[in-house]
Amino acid sequence: MDLPEGDYTLAASLPEALGRYGTARKDVTVARDAQGHIAMGKAE
């Protein structure tokens, strides 16, 4: 919630899995539309 616009890097992991998964990263951008509203960044 409530992030300033800009470029972000997300890092996902499952710490309780005891190494059964690695870490994955994803870049996502938060921007504003022509009306100044936040254009939500989406990441799978």
ModelCIF file with pLDDT and N, C-alpha, C, O atoms, coordinates in Angstrom:
data_MODEL
#
_entry.id   MODEL 
#
_entity.id                         1 
_entity.type                       polymer 
_entity.pdbx_number_of_molecules   1 
#
_entity_poly.entity_id                      1 
_entity_poly.type                           'polypeptide(L)' 
_entity_poly.nstd_linkage                   no 
_entity_poly.nstd_monomer                   no 
_entity_poly.pdbx_seq_one_letter_code       MDLPEGDYTLAASLPEALGRYGTARKDVTVARDAQGHIAMGKAE 
_entity_poly.pdbx_seq_one_letter_code_can   MDLPEGDYTLAASLPEALGRYGTARKDVTVARDAQGHIAMGKAE 
_entity_poly.pdbx_strand_id                 A 
#
loop_
_entity_poly_seq.entity_id 
_entity_poly_seq.num 
_entity_poly_seq.mon_id 
_entity_poly_seq.hetero 
1 1  MET n 
1 2  ASP n 
1 3  LEU n 
1 4  PRO n 
1 5  GLU n 
1 6  GLY n 
1 7  ASP n 
1 8  TYR n 
1 9  THR n 
1 10 LEU n 
1 11 ALA n 
1 12 ALA n 
1 13 SER n 
1 14 LEU n 
1 15 PRO n 
1 16 GLU n 
1 17 ALA n 
1 18 LEU n 
1 19 GLY n 
1 20 ARG n 
1 21 TYR n 
1 22 GLY n 
1 23 THR n 
1 24 ALA n 
1 25 ARG n 
1 26 LYS n 
1 27 ASP n 
1 28 VAL n 
1 29 THR n 
1 30 VAL n 
1 31 ALA n 
1 32 ARG n 
1 33 ASP n 
1 34 ALA n 
1 35 GLN n 
1 36 GLY n 
1 37 HIS n 
1 38 ILE n 
1 39 ALA n 
1 40 MET n 
1 41 GLY n 
1 42 LYS n 
1 43 ALA n 
1 44 GLU n 
#
_struct_asym.id          A 
_struct_asym.entity_id   1 
#
loop_
_ma_qa_metric.id 
_ma_qa_metric.mode 
_ma_qa_metric.name 
_ma_qa_metric.software_group_id 
_ma_qa_metric.type 
1 global pLDDT . pLDDT 
2 local  pLDDT . pLDDT 
#
_ma_qa_metric_global.metric_id      1 
_ma_qa_metric_global.metric_value   90.80 
_ma_qa_metric_global.model_id       1 
_ma_qa_metric_global.ordinal_id     1 
#
loop_
_ma_qa_metric_local.label_asym_id 
_ma_qa_metric_local.label_comp_id 
_ma_qa_metric_local.label_seq_id 
_ma_qa_metric_local.metric_id 
_ma_qa_metric_local.metric_value 
_ma_qa_metric_local.model_id 
_ma_qa_metric_local.ordinal_id 
A MET 1  2 91.00 1 1  
A ASP 2  2 89.00 1 2  
A LEU 3  2 91.00 1 3  
A PRO 4  2 89.00 1 4  
A GLU 5  2 90.00 1 5  
A GLY 6  2 93.00 1 6  
A ASP 7  2 95.00 1 7  
A TYR 8  2 97.00 1 8  
A THR 9  2 97.00 1 9  
A LEU 10 2 98.00 1 10 
A ALA 11 2 97.00 1 11 
A ALA 12 2 97.00 1 12 
A SER 13 2 96.00 1 13 
A LEU 14 2 95.00 1 14 
A PRO 15 2 90.00 1 15 
A GLU 16 2 89.00 1 16 
A ALA 17 2 89.00 1 17 
A LEU 18 2 85.00 1 18 
A GLY 19 2 90.00 1 19 
A ARG 20 2 94.00 1 20 
A TYR 21 2 96.00 1 21 
A GLY 22 2 95.00 1 22 
A THR 23 2 96.00 1 23 
A ALA 24 2 97.00 1 24 
A ARG 25 2 97.00 1 25 
A LYS 26 2 97.00 1 26 
A ASP 27 2 97.00 1 27 
A VAL 28 2 96.00 1 28 
A THR 29 2 95.00 1 29 
A VAL 30 2 93.00 1 30 
A ALA 31 2 90.00 1 31 
A ARG 32 2 82.00 1 32 
A ASP 33 2 78.00 1 33 
A ALA 34 2 77.00 1 34 
A GLN 35 2 76.00 1 35 
A GLY 36 2 74.00 1 36 
A HIS 37 2 79.00 1 37 
A ILE 38 2 82.00 1 38 
A ALA 39 2 84.00 1 39 
A MET 40 2 88.00 1 40 
A GLY 41 2 91.00 1 41 
A LYS 42 2 93.00 1 42 
A ALA 43 2 94.00 1 43 
A GLU 44 2 96.00 1 44 
#
loop_
_atom_site.group_PDB 
_atom_site.id 
_atom_site.type_symbol 
_atom_site.label_atom_id 
_atom_site.label_alt_id 
_atom_site.label_comp_id 
_atom_site.label_asym_id 
_atom_site.label_entity_id 
_atom_site.label_seq_id 
_atom_site.pdbx_PDB_ins_code 
_atom_site.Cartn_x 
_atom_site.Cartn_y 
_atom_site.Cartn_z 
_atom_site.occupancy 
_atom_site.B_iso_or_equiv 
_atom_site.pdbx_formal_charge 
_atom_site.auth_seq_id 
_atom_site.auth_comp_id 
_atom_site.auth_asym_id 
_atom_site.auth_atom_id 
_atom_site.pdbx_PDB_model_num 
ATOM 1   N N  . MET A 1 1  ? 0.826  -1.208  0.000   1.00 91.00 ? 1  MET A N  1 
ATOM 2   C CA . MET A 1 1  ? 0.000  0.000   0.000   1.00 91.00 ? 1  MET A CA 1 
ATOM 3   C C  . MET A 1 1  ? 0.861  1.260   0.000   1.00 91.00 ? 1  MET A C  1 
ATOM 4   O O  . MET A 1 1  ? 1.990  1.266   0.492   1.00 91.00 ? 1  MET A O  1 
ATOM 5   N N  . ASP A 1 2  ? 0.296  2.327   -0.567  1.00 89.00 ? 2  ASP A N  1 
ATOM 6   C CA . ASP A 1 2  ? 0.779  3.695   -0.351  1.00 89.00 ? 2  ASP A CA 1 
ATOM 7   C C  . ASP A 1 2  ? 2.259  3.869   -0.646  1.00 89.00 ? 2  ASP A C  1 
ATOM 8   O O  . ASP A 1 2  ? 3.019  4.331   0.205   1.00 89.00 ? 2  ASP A O  1 
ATOM 9   N N  . LEU A 1 3  ? 2.664  3.497   -1.856  1.00 91.00 ? 3  LEU A N  1 
ATOM 10  C CA . LEU A 1 3  ? 4.062  3.655   -2.261  1.00 91.00 ? 3  LEU A CA 1 
ATOM 11  C C  . LEU A 1 3  ? 4.201  4.848   -3.203  1.00 91.00 ? 3  LEU A C  1 
ATOM 12  O O  . LEU A 1 3  ? 3.281  5.141   -3.966  1.00 91.00 ? 3  LEU A O  1 
ATOM 13  N N  . PRO A 1 4  ? 5.324  5.528   -3.161  1.00 89.00 ? 4  PRO A N  1 
ATOM 14  C CA . PRO A 1 4  ? 5.555  6.593   -4.138  1.00 89.00 ? 4  PRO A CA 1 
ATOM 15  C C  . PRO A 1 4  ? 5.830  5.993   -5.512  1.00 89.00 ? 4  PRO A C  1 
ATOM 16  O O  . PRO A 1 4  ? 6.244  4.839   -5.623  1.00 89.00 ? 4  PRO A O  1 
ATOM 17  N N  . GLU A 1 5  ? 5.600  6.777   -6.545  1.00 90.00 ? 5  GLU A N  1 
ATOM 18  C CA . GLU A 1 5  ? 5.861  6.270   -7.888  1.00 90.00 ? 5  GLU A CA 1 
ATOM 19  C C  . GLU A 1 5  ? 7.354  6.035   -8.080  1.00 90.00 ? 5  GLU A C  1 
ATOM 20  O O  . GLU A 1 5  ? 8.194  6.683   -7.457  1.00 90.00 ? 5  GLU A O  1 
ATOM 21  N N  . GLY A 1 6  ? 7.654  5.087   -8.964  1.00 93.00 ? 6  GLY A N  1 
ATOM 22  C CA . GLY A 1 6  ? 9.050  4.760   -9.234  1.00 93.00 ? 6  GLY A CA 1 
ATOM 23  C C  . GLY A 1 6  ? 9.228  3.283   -9.519  1.00 93.00 ? 6  GLY A C  1 
ATOM 24  O O  . GLY A 1 6  ? 8.261  2.525   -9.596  1.00 93.00 ? 6  GLY A O  1 
ATOM 25  N N  . ASP A 1 7  ? 10.481 2.888   -9.673  1.00 95.00 ? 7  ASP A N  1 
ATOM 26  C CA . ASP A 1 7  ? 10.820 1.504   -9.993  1.00 95.00 ? 7  ASP A CA 1 
ATOM 27  C C  . ASP A 1 7  ? 11.188 0.745   -8.722  1.00 95.00 ? 7  ASP A C  1 
ATOM 28  O O  . ASP A 1 7  ? 11.926 1.236   -7.868  1.00 95.00 ? 7  ASP A O  1 
ATOM 29  N N  . TYR A 1 8  ? 10.644 -0.473  -8.628  1.00 97.00 ? 8  TYR A N  1 
ATOM 30  C CA . TYR A 1 8  ? 10.861 -1.311  -7.448  1.00 97.00 ? 8  TYR A CA 1 
ATOM 31  C C  . TYR A 1 8  ? 11.364 -2.694  -7.883  1.00 97.00 ? 8  TYR A C  1 
ATOM 32  O O  . TYR A 1 8  ? 11.091 -3.163  -8.988  1.00 97.00 ? 8  TYR A O  1 
ATOM 33  N N  . THR A 1 9  ? 12.106 -3.321  -6.972  1.00 97.00 ? 9  THR A N  1 
ATOM 34  C CA . THR A 1 9  ? 12.485 -4.721  -7.149  1.00 97.00 ? 9  THR A CA 1 
ATOM 35  C C  . THR A 1 9  ? 11.937 -5.506  -5.972  1.00 97.00 ? 9  THR A C  1 
ATOM 36  O O  . THR A 1 9  ? 12.186 -5.166  -4.816  1.00 97.00 ? 9  THR A O  1 
ATOM 37  N N  . LEU A 1 10 ? 11.181 -6.570  -6.275  1.00 98.00 ? 10 LEU A N  1 
ATOM 38  C CA . LEU A 1 10 ? 10.617 -7.436  -5.248  1.00 98.00 ? 10 LEU A CA 1 
ATOM 39  C C  . LEU A 1 10 ? 11.411 -8.732  -5.189  1.00 98.00 ? 10 LEU A C  1 
ATOM 40  O O  . LEU A 1 10 ? 11.803 -9.278  -6.220  1.00 98.00 ? 10 LEU A O  1 
ATOM 41  N N  . ALA A 1 11 ? 11.644 -9.217  -3.980  1.00 97.00 ? 11 ALA A N  1 
ATOM 42  C CA . ALA A 1 11 ? 12.300 -10.501 -3.772  1.00 97.00 ? 11 ALA A CA 1 
ATOM 43  C C  . ALA A 1 11 ? 11.346 -11.413 -3.010  1.00 97.00 ? 11 ALA A C  1 
ATOM 44  O O  . ALA A 1 11 ? 10.886 -11.065 -1.923  1.00 97.00 ? 11 ALA A O  1 
ATOM 45  N N  . ALA A 1 12 ? 11.047 -12.584 -3.580  1.00 97.00 ? 12 ALA A N  1 
ATOM 46  C CA . ALA A 1 12 ? 10.114 -13.530 -2.965  1.00 97.00 ? 12 ALA A CA 1 
ATOM 47  C C  . ALA A 1 12 ? 10.858 -14.788 -2.543  1.00 97.00 ? 12 ALA A C  1 
ATOM 48  O O  . ALA A 1 12 ? 11.768 -15.250 -3.231  1.00 97.00 ? 12 ALA A O  1 
ATOM 49  N N  . SER A 1 13 ? 10.456 -15.335 -1.398  1.00 96.00 ? 13 SER A N  1 
ATOM 50  C CA . SER A 1 13 ? 11.079 -16.560 -0.889  1.00 96.00 ? 13 SER A CA 1 
ATOM 51  C C  . SER A 1 13 ? 10.076 -17.265 0.022   1.00 96.00 ? 13 SER A C  1 
ATOM 52  O O  . SER A 1 13 ? 8.996  -16.744 0.298   1.00 96.00 ? 13 SER A O  1 
ATOM 53  N N  . LEU A 1 14 ? 10.447 -18.440 0.476   1.00 95.00 ? 14 LEU A N  1 
ATOM 54  C CA . LEU A 1 14 ? 9.632  -19.192 1.440   1.00 95.00 ? 14 LEU A CA 1 
ATOM 55  C C  . LEU A 1 14 ? 10.580 -19.678 2.535   1.00 95.00 ? 14 LEU A C  1 
ATOM 56  O O  . LEU A 1 14 ? 11.015 -20.829 2.514   1.00 95.00 ? 14 LEU A O  1 
ATOM 57  N N  . PRO A 1 15 ? 10.903 -18.798 3.497   1.00 90.00 ? 15 PRO A N  1 
ATOM 58  C CA . PRO A 1 15 ? 11.949 -19.107 4.485   1.00 90.00 ? 15 PRO A CA 1 
ATOM 59  C C  . PRO A 1 15 ? 11.696 -20.378 5.279   1.00 90.00 ? 15 PRO A C  1 
ATOM 60  O O  . PRO A 1 15 ? 12.641 -21.094 5.610   1.00 90.00 ? 15 PRO A O  1 
ATOM 61  N N  . GLU A 1 16 ? 10.426 -20.675 5.594   1.00 89.00 ? 16 GLU A N  1 
ATOM 62  C CA . GLU A 1 16 ? 10.131 -21.843 6.426   1.00 89.00 ? 16 GLU A CA 1 
ATOM 63  C C  . GLU A 1 16 ? 10.262 -23.159 5.669   1.00 89.00 ? 16 GLU A C  1 
ATOM 64  O O  . GLU A 1 16 ? 10.121 -24.222 6.273   1.00 89.00 ? 16 GLU A O  1 
ATOM 65  N N  . ALA A 1 17 ? 10.525 -23.121 4.382   1.00 89.00 ? 17 ALA A N  1 
ATOM 66  C CA . ALA A 1 17 ? 10.582 -24.342 3.568   1.00 89.00 ? 17 ALA A CA 1 
ATOM 67  C C  . ALA A 1 17 ? 11.925 -25.048 3.649   1.00 89.00 ? 17 ALA A C  1 
ATOM 68  O O  . ALA A 1 17 ? 12.114 -26.079 3.003   1.00 89.00 ? 17 ALA A O  1 
ATOM 69  N N  . LEU A 1 18 ? 12.868 -24.515 4.431   1.00 85.00 ? 18 LEU A N  1 
ATOM 70  C CA . LEU A 1 18 ? 14.164 -25.170 4.653   1.00 85.00 ? 18 LEU A CA 1 
ATOM 71  C C  . LEU A 1 18 ? 14.894 -25.473 3.349   1.00 85.00 ? 18 LEU A C  1 
ATOM 72  O O  . LEU A 1 18 ? 15.394 -26.579 3.145   1.00 85.00 ? 18 LEU A O  1 
ATOM 73  N N  . GLY A 1 19 ? 14.946 -24.489 2.485   1.00 90.00 ? 19 GLY A N  1 
ATOM 74  C CA . GLY A 1 19 ? 15.693 -24.638 1.244   1.00 90.00 ? 19 GLY A CA 1 
ATOM 75  C C  . GLY A 1 19 ? 14.965 -25.376 0.143   1.00 90.00 ? 19 GLY A C  1 
ATOM 76  O O  . GLY A 1 19 ? 15.565 -25.681 -0.888  1.00 90.00 ? 19 GLY A O  1 
ATOM 77  N N  . ARG A 1 20 ? 13.684 -25.673 0.330   1.00 94.00 ? 20 ARG A N  1 
ATOM 78  C CA . ARG A 1 20 ? 12.930 -26.378 -0.720  1.00 94.00 ? 20 ARG A CA 1 
ATOM 79  C C  . ARG A 1 20 ? 12.561 -25.456 -1.879  1.00 94.00 ? 20 ARG A C  1 
ATOM 80  O O  . ARG A 1 20 ? 12.105 -25.921 -2.924  1.00 94.00 ? 20 ARG A O  1 
ATOM 81  N N  . TYR A 1 21 ? 12.757 -24.158 -1.697  1.00 96.00 ? 21 TYR A N  1 
ATOM 82  C CA . TYR A 1 21 ? 12.570 -23.195 -2.780  1.00 96.00 ? 21 TYR A CA 1 
ATOM 83  C C  . TYR A 1 21 ? 13.735 -22.220 -2.773  1.00 96.00 ? 21 TYR A C  1 
ATOM 84  O O  . TYR A 1 21 ? 14.315 -21.936 -1.725  1.00 96.00 ? 21 TYR A O  1 
ATOM 85  N N  . GLY A 1 22 ? 14.073 -21.712 -3.954  1.00 95.00 ? 22 GLY A N  1 
ATOM 86  C CA . GLY A 1 22 ? 15.035 -20.641 -4.058  1.00 95.00 ? 22 GLY A CA 1 
ATOM 87  C C  . GLY A 1 22 ? 14.330 -19.296 -3.968  1.00 95.00 ? 22 GLY A C  1 
ATOM 88  O O  . GLY A 1 22 ? 13.135 -19.228 -3.681  1.00 95.00 ? 22 GLY A O  1 
ATOM 89  N N  . THR A 1 23 ? 15.076 -18.234 -4.213  1.00 96.00 ? 23 THR A N  1 
ATOM 90  C CA . THR A 1 23 ? 14.541 -16.874 -4.189  1.00 96.00 ? 23 THR A CA 1 
ATOM 91  C C  . THR A 1 23 ? 14.322 -16.393 -5.620  1.00 96.00 ? 23 THR A C  1 
ATOM 92  O O  . THR A 1 23 ? 15.127 -16.680 -6.505  1.00 96.00 ? 23 THR A O  1 
ATOM 93  N N  . ALA A 1 24 ? 13.245 -15.669 -5.843  1.00 97.00 ? 24 ALA A N  1 
ATOM 94  C CA . ALA A 1 24 ? 12.964 -15.097 -7.161  1.00 97.00 ? 24 ALA A CA 1 
ATOM 95  C C  . ALA A 1 24 ? 12.782 -13.600 -7.030  1.00 97.00 ? 24 ALA A C  1 
ATOM 96  O O  . ALA A 1 24 ? 12.304 -13.110 -6.007  1.00 97.00 ? 24 ALA A O  1 
ATOM 97  N N  . ARG A 1 25 ? 13.167 -12.870 -8.076  1.00 97.00 ? 25 ARG A N  1 
ATOM 98  C CA . ARG A 1 25 ? 13.058 -11.409 -8.066  1.00 97.00 ? 25 ARG A CA 1 
ATOM 99  C C  . ARG A 1 25 ? 12.246 -10.930 -9.261  1.00 97.00 ? 25 ARG A C  1 
ATOM 100 O O  . ARG A 1 25 ? 12.212 -11.565 -10.315 1.00 97.00 ? 25 ARG A O  1 
ATOM 101 N N  . LYS A 1 26 ? 11.601 -9.801  -9.064  1.00 97.00 ? 26 LYS A N  1 
ATOM 102 C CA . LYS A 1 26 ? 10.760 -9.230  -10.117 1.00 97.00 ? 26 LYS A CA 1 
ATOM 103 C C  . LYS A 1 26 ? 10.806 -7.723  -10.034 1.00 97.00 ? 26 LYS A C  1 
ATOM 104 O O  . LYS A 1 26 ? 10.669 -7.150  -8.953  1.00 97.00 ? 26 LYS A O  1 
ATOM 105 N N  . ASP A 1 27 ? 11.000 -7.073  -11.180 1.00 97.00 ? 27 ASP A N  1 
ATOM 106 C CA . ASP A 1 27 ? 10.966 -5.615  -11.248 1.00 97.00 ? 27 ASP A CA 1 
ATOM 107 C C  . ASP A 1 27 ? 9.549  -5.155  -11.583 1.00 97.00 ? 27 ASP A C  1 
ATOM 108 O O  . ASP A 1 27 ? 8.876  -5.761  -12.417 1.00 97.00 ? 27 ASP A O  1 
ATOM 109 N N  . VAL A 1 28 ? 9.108  -4.101  -10.942 1.00 96.00 ? 28 VAL A N  1 
ATOM 110 C CA . VAL A 1 28 ? 7.763  -3.579  -11.176 1.00 96.00 ? 28 VAL A CA 1 
ATOM 111 C C  . VAL A 1 28 ? 7.803  -2.060  -11.008 1.00 96.00 ? 28 VAL A C  1 
ATOM 112 O O  . VAL A 1 28 ? 8.584  -1.526  -10.221 1.00 96.00 ? 28 VAL A O  1 
ATOM 113 N N  . THR A 1 29 ? 6.951  -1.384  -11.760 1.00 95.00 ? 29 THR A N  1 
ATOM 114 C CA . THR A 1 29 ? 6.922  0.082   -11.732 1.00 95.00 ? 29 THR A CA 1 
ATOM 115 C C  . THR A 1 29 ? 5.582  0.586   -11.215 1.00 95.00 ? 29 THR A C  1 
ATOM 116 O O  . THR A 1 29 ? 4.524  0.114   -11.632 1.00 95.00 ? 29 THR A O  1 
ATOM 117 N N  . VAL A 1 30 ? 5.641  1.543   -10.309 1.00 93.00 ? 30 VAL A N  1 
ATOM 118 C CA . VAL A 1 30 ? 4.452  2.249   -9.834  1.00 93.00 ? 30 VAL A CA 1 
ATOM 119 C C  . VAL A 1 30 ? 4.448  3.616   -10.515 1.00 93.00 ? 30 VAL A C  1 
ATOM 120 O O  . VAL A 1 30 ? 5.413  4.374   -10.412 1.00 93.00 ? 30 VAL A O  1 
ATOM 121 N N  . ALA A 1 31 ? 3.352  3.924   -11.210 1.00 90.00 ? 31 ALA A N  1 
ATOM 122 C CA . ALA A 1 31 ? 3.278  5.187   -11.963 1.00 90.00 ? 31 ALA A CA 1 
ATOM 123 C C  . ALA A 1 31 ? 1.970  5.901   -11.649 1.00 90.00 ? 31 ALA A C  1 
ATOM 124 O O  . ALA A 1 31 ? 1.151  5.410   -10.873 1.00 90.00 ? 31 ALA A O  1 
ATOM 125 N N  . ARG A 1 32 ? 1.792  7.041   -12.249 1.00 82.00 ? 32 ARG A N  1 
ATOM 126 C CA . ARG A 1 32 ? 0.545  7.799   -12.121 1.00 82.00 ? 32 ARG A CA 1 
ATOM 127 C C  . ARG A 1 32 ? -0.041 8.031   -13.515 1.00 82.00 ? 32 ARG A C  1 
ATOM 128 O O  . ARG A 1 32 ? 0.686  8.245   -14.485 1.00 82.00 ? 32 ARG A O  1 
ATOM 129 N N  . ASP A 1 33 ? -1.362 7.984   -13.589 1.00 78.00 ? 33 ASP A N  1 
ATOM 130 C CA . ASP A 1 33 ? -2.016 8.230   -14.870 1.00 78.00 ? 33 ASP A CA 1 
ATOM 131 C C  . ASP A 1 33 ? -2.174 9.730   -15.110 1.00 78.00 ? 33 ASP A C  1 
ATOM 132 O O  . ASP A 1 33 ? -1.675 10.547  -14.337 1.00 78.00 ? 33 ASP A O  1 
ATOM 133 N N  . ALA A 1 34 ? -2.869 10.080  -16.183 1.00 77.00 ? 34 ALA A N  1 
ATOM 134 C CA . ALA A 1 34 ? -3.007 11.496  -16.559 1.00 77.00 ? 34 ALA A CA 1 
ATOM 135 C C  . ALA A 1 34 ? -3.752 12.315  -15.514 1.00 77.00 ? 34 ALA A C  1 
ATOM 136 O O  . ALA A 1 34 ? -3.577 13.530  -15.421 1.00 77.00 ? 34 ALA A O  1 
ATOM 137 N N  . GLN A 1 35 ? -4.589 11.634  -14.725 1.00 76.00 ? 35 GLN A N  1 
ATOM 138 C CA . GLN A 1 35 ? -5.342 12.334  -13.681 1.00 76.00 ? 35 GLN A CA 1 
ATOM 139 C C  . GLN A 1 35 ? -4.593 12.382  -12.352 1.00 76.00 ? 35 GLN A C  1 
ATOM 140 O O  . GLN A 1 35 ? -5.102 12.912  -11.364 1.00 76.00 ? 35 GLN A O  1 
ATOM 141 N N  . GLY A 1 36 ? -3.382 11.824  -12.332 1.00 74.00 ? 36 GLY A N  1 
ATOM 142 C CA . GLY A 1 36 ? -2.598 11.826  -11.107 1.00 74.00 ? 36 GLY A CA 1 
ATOM 143 C C  . GLY A 1 36 ? -2.882 10.680  -10.167 1.00 74.00 ? 36 GLY A C  1 
ATOM 144 O O  . GLY A 1 36 ? -2.367 10.650  -9.049  1.00 74.00 ? 36 GLY A O  1 
ATOM 145 N N  . HIS A 1 37 ? -3.700 9.727   -10.608 1.00 79.00 ? 37 HIS A N  1 
ATOM 146 C CA . HIS A 1 37 ? -4.005 8.557   -9.782  1.00 79.00 ? 37 HIS A CA 1 
ATOM 147 C C  . HIS A 1 37 ? -2.924 7.496   -9.934  1.00 79.00 ? 37 HIS A C  1 
ATOM 148 O O  . HIS A 1 37 ? -2.312 7.357   -10.993 1.00 79.00 ? 37 HIS A O  1 
ATOM 149 N N  . ILE A 1 38 ? -2.703 6.756   -8.861  1.00 82.00 ? 38 ILE A N  1 
ATOM 150 C CA . ILE A 1 38 ? -1.702 5.687   -8.905  1.00 82.00 ? 38 ILE A CA 1 
ATOM 151 C C  . ILE A 1 38 ? -2.135 4.597   -9.884  1.00 82.00 ? 38 ILE A C  1 
ATOM 152 O O  . ILE A 1 38 ? -3.251 4.083   -9.805  1.00 82.00 ? 38 ILE A O  1 
ATOM 153 N N  . ALA A 1 39 ? -1.245 4.257   -10.799 1.00 84.00 ? 39 ALA A N  1 
ATOM 154 C CA . ALA A 1 39 ? -1.453 3.131   -11.707 1.00 84.00 ? 39 ALA A CA 1 
ATOM 155 C C  . ALA A 1 39 ? -0.732 1.931   -11.093 1.00 84.00 ? 39 ALA A C  1 
ATOM 156 O O  . ALA A 1 39 ? 0.495  1.847   -11.134 1.00 84.00 ? 39 ALA A O  1 
ATOM 157 N N  . MET A 1 40 ? -1.493 1.021   -10.535 1.00 88.00 ? 40 MET A N  1 
ATOM 158 C CA . MET A 1 40 ? -0.942 -0.089  -9.749  1.00 88.00 ? 40 MET A CA 1 
ATOM 159 C C  . MET A 1 40 ? 0.021  -0.947  -10.570 1.00 88.00 ? 40 MET A C  1 
ATOM 160 O O  . MET A 1 40 ? -0.264 -1.310  -11.712 1.00 88.00 ? 40 MET A O  1 
ATOM 161 N N  . GLY A 1 41 ? 1.157  -1.258  -9.968  1.00 91.00 ? 41 GLY A N  1 
ATOM 162 C CA . GLY A 1 41 ? 2.092  -2.188  -10.578 1.00 91.00 ? 41 GLY A CA 1 
ATOM 163 C C  . GLY A 1 41 ? 1.694  -3.619  -10.264 1.00 91.00 ? 41 GLY A C  1 
ATOM 164 O O  . GLY A 1 41 ? 1.280  -3.919  -9.145  1.00 91.00 ? 41 GLY A O  1 
ATOM 165 N N  . LYS A 1 42 ? 1.816  -4.498  -11.239 1.00 93.00 ? 42 LYS A N  1 
ATOM 166 C CA . LYS A 1 42 ? 1.422  -5.897  -11.061 1.00 93.00 ? 42 LYS A CA 1 
ATOM 167 C C  . LYS A 1 42 ? 2.622  -6.811  -11.260 1.00 93.00 ? 42 LYS A C  1 
ATOM 168 O O  . LYS A 1 42 ? 3.477  -6.563  -12.111 1.00 93.00 ? 42 LYS A O  1 
ATOM 169 N N  . ALA A 1 43 ? 2.671  -7.880  -10.453 1.00 94.00 ? 43 ALA A N  1 
ATOM 170 C CA . ALA A 1 43 ? 3.816  -8.782  -10.525 1.00 94.00 ? 43 ALA A CA 1 
ATOM 171 C C  . ALA A 1 43 ? 3.407  -10.203 -10.176 1.00 94.00 ? 43 ALA A C  1 
ATOM 172 O O  . ALA A 1 43 ? 2.853  -10.450 -9.105  1.00 94.00 ? 43 ALA A O  1 
ATOM 173 N N  . GLU A 1 44 ? 3.678  -11.134 -11.077 1.00 96.00 ? 44 GLU A N  1 
ATOM 174 C CA . GLU A 1 44 ? 3.556  -12.559 -10.761 1.00 96.00 ? 44 GLU A CA 1 
ATOM 175 C C  . GLU A 1 44 ? 4.973  -13.108 -10.614 1.00 96.00 ? 44 GLU A C  1 
ATOM 176 O O  . GLU A 1 44 ? 5.149  -14.297 -10.345 1.00 96.00 ? 44 GLU A O  1 
#
